[in-house]
Protein backbone atom coordinates (compact mmCIF):
# COMPACT_ATOMS: atom_id res chain seq x y z
CA UNK A 1 -5.28 -1.69 -11.25
CA UNK A 2 -4.60 -1.17 -7.57
CA UNK A 3 -7.15 -2.74 -5.27
CA UNK A 4 -9.25 -0.48 -3.05
CA UNK A 5 -8.44 -1.50 0.52
CA UNK A 6 -10.89 -0.67 3.29
CA UNK A 7 -12.28 -2.20 6.47
CA UNK A 8 -14.47 -4.61 4.47
CA UNK A 9 -11.54 -6.48 2.88
CA UNK A 10 -8.53 -5.53 5.00
CA UNK A 11 -8.47 -8.51 7.41
CA UNK A 12 -8.75 -11.10 4.64
CA UNK A 13 -6.03 -9.44 2.55
CA UNK A 14 -3.39 -9.09 5.26
CA UNK A 15 -4.00 -12.62 6.52
CA UNK A 16 -3.08 -14.05 3.12
CA UNK A 17 0.36 -15.49 2.52
CA UNK A 18 0.93 -13.00 -0.31
CA UNK A 19 2.82 -9.77 0.06
CA UNK A 20 0.34 -6.91 0.50
CA UNK A 21 1.44 -3.35 -0.24
CA UNK A 22 -0.95 -0.75 1.18
CA UNK A 23 -0.66 2.82 -0.09
CA UNK A 24 -2.21 5.08 2.55
CA UNK A 25 -3.22 8.24 0.69
CA UNK A 26 -5.80 11.03 0.39
CA UNK A 27 -7.30 12.96 -2.55
CA UNK A 28 -6.05 16.31 -1.27
CA UNK A 29 -2.43 15.14 -0.95
CA UNK A 30 -0.21 16.26 -3.86
CA UNK A 31 2.56 13.69 -3.30
CA UNK A 32 -0.11 10.97 -3.02
CA UNK A 33 -1.52 11.94 -6.42
CA UNK A 34 2.01 11.93 -7.87
CA UNK A 35 2.61 8.43 -6.49
CA UNK A 36 -0.71 7.06 -7.74
CA UNK A 37 0.37 6.25 -11.34
CA UNK A 38 3.40 4.39 -10.01
CA UNK A 39 1.19 2.33 -7.69
CA UNK A 40 -1.17 1.55 -10.58
CA UNK A 41 1.70 0.43 -12.85
CA UNK A 42 3.27 -1.75 -10.18
CA UNK A 43 -0.12 -3.27 -9.31
CA UNK A 44 -0.56 -4.33 -12.94
CA UNK A 45 2.99 -5.69 -13.19
CA UNK A 46 2.70 -7.73 -9.97
CA UNK A 47 -0.85 -9.01 -10.46
CA UNK A 48 -0.99 -12.57 -9.15
CA UNK A 49 2.35 -12.22 -7.32
CA UNK A 50 1.51 -9.53 -4.76
CA UNK A 51 -1.51 -7.52 -3.70
CA UNK A 52 -1.01 -3.80 -4.31
CA UNK A 53 -3.75 -1.58 -2.98
CA UNK A 54 -4.72 1.90 -1.92
CA UNK A 55 -6.38 2.91 1.33
CA UNK A 56 -7.93 6.39 1.48
CA UNK A 57 -7.11 7.70 4.96
CA UNK A 58 -10.08 10.10 4.95
CA UNK A 59 -12.52 7.22 4.35
CA UNK A 60 -10.68 4.66 6.53
CA UNK A 61 -9.45 6.56 9.55
CA UNK A 62 -9.53 3.45 11.75
CA UNK A 63 -7.09 1.60 9.47
CA UNK A 64 -4.81 4.64 9.30
CA UNK A 65 -4.81 4.84 13.10
CA UNK A 66 -4.09 1.10 13.37
CA UNK A 67 -0.84 1.63 11.44
CA UNK A 68 0.03 4.94 13.06
CA UNK A 69 -0.24 6.87 9.80
CA UNK A 70 0.80 10.45 10.51
CA UNK A 71 2.24 11.38 7.14
CA UNK A 72 1.07 10.40 3.67
CA UNK A 73 1.79 8.86 1.32
CA UNK A 74 2.80 5.94 3.49
CA UNK A 75 3.38 2.45 2.12
CA UNK A 76 2.98 -0.50 4.46
CA UNK A 77 4.29 -3.90 3.35
CA UNK A 78 2.64 -6.87 5.08
CA UNK A 79 2.83 -10.62 4.71
CA UNK A 80 1.14 -13.30 6.82
CA UNK A 81 -0.55 -10.60 8.93
CA UNK A 82 2.82 -9.09 9.88
CA UNK A 83 4.26 -5.71 8.93
CA UNK A 84 7.50 -6.34 7.05
CA UNK A 85 8.42 -2.74 6.16
CA UNK A 86 7.12 0.83 5.99
CA UNK A 87 8.02 3.66 3.61
CA UNK A 88 6.89 7.25 4.18
CA UNK A 89 6.82 9.76 1.33
CA UNK A 90 7.41 9.49 -2.40
CA UNK A 91 9.24 6.50 -3.81
CA UNK A 92 10.60 5.98 -7.31
CA UNK A 93 9.25 3.02 -9.24
CA UNK A 94 12.61 1.16 -9.38
CA UNK A 95 12.97 1.53 -5.60
CA UNK A 96 9.42 0.27 -5.01
CA UNK A 97 10.00 -2.72 -7.30
CA UNK A 98 13.27 -3.52 -5.52
CA UNK A 99 11.51 -3.42 -2.12
CA UNK A 100 8.69 -5.68 -3.37
CA UNK A 101 11.15 -8.17 -4.89
CA UNK A 102 13.12 -8.21 -1.64
CA UNK A 103 9.99 -9.06 0.35
CA UNK A 104 8.50 -11.60 -2.05
């Protein structure tokens, strides 16, 4: 299951040496809801290898602003407290897996 990412755990997660994939999303966003099952599947498949989580932009506006989120869904890939890549919009599961494998 994808981890809920918010201001209470964000700093600790992104400072880790693991790849962290943050799905910025909102309940009202259709493409976000379509992406959600893919995020959940990938989170289960990469448990222990990478941290895959979801950050609700409505509940965590300060984190969304920190990353300049203007469109959702938006995936931010971080490692060692550094943004490695960003993807805006829908992404197919094979493409997401390829991106994660590239950054691991």
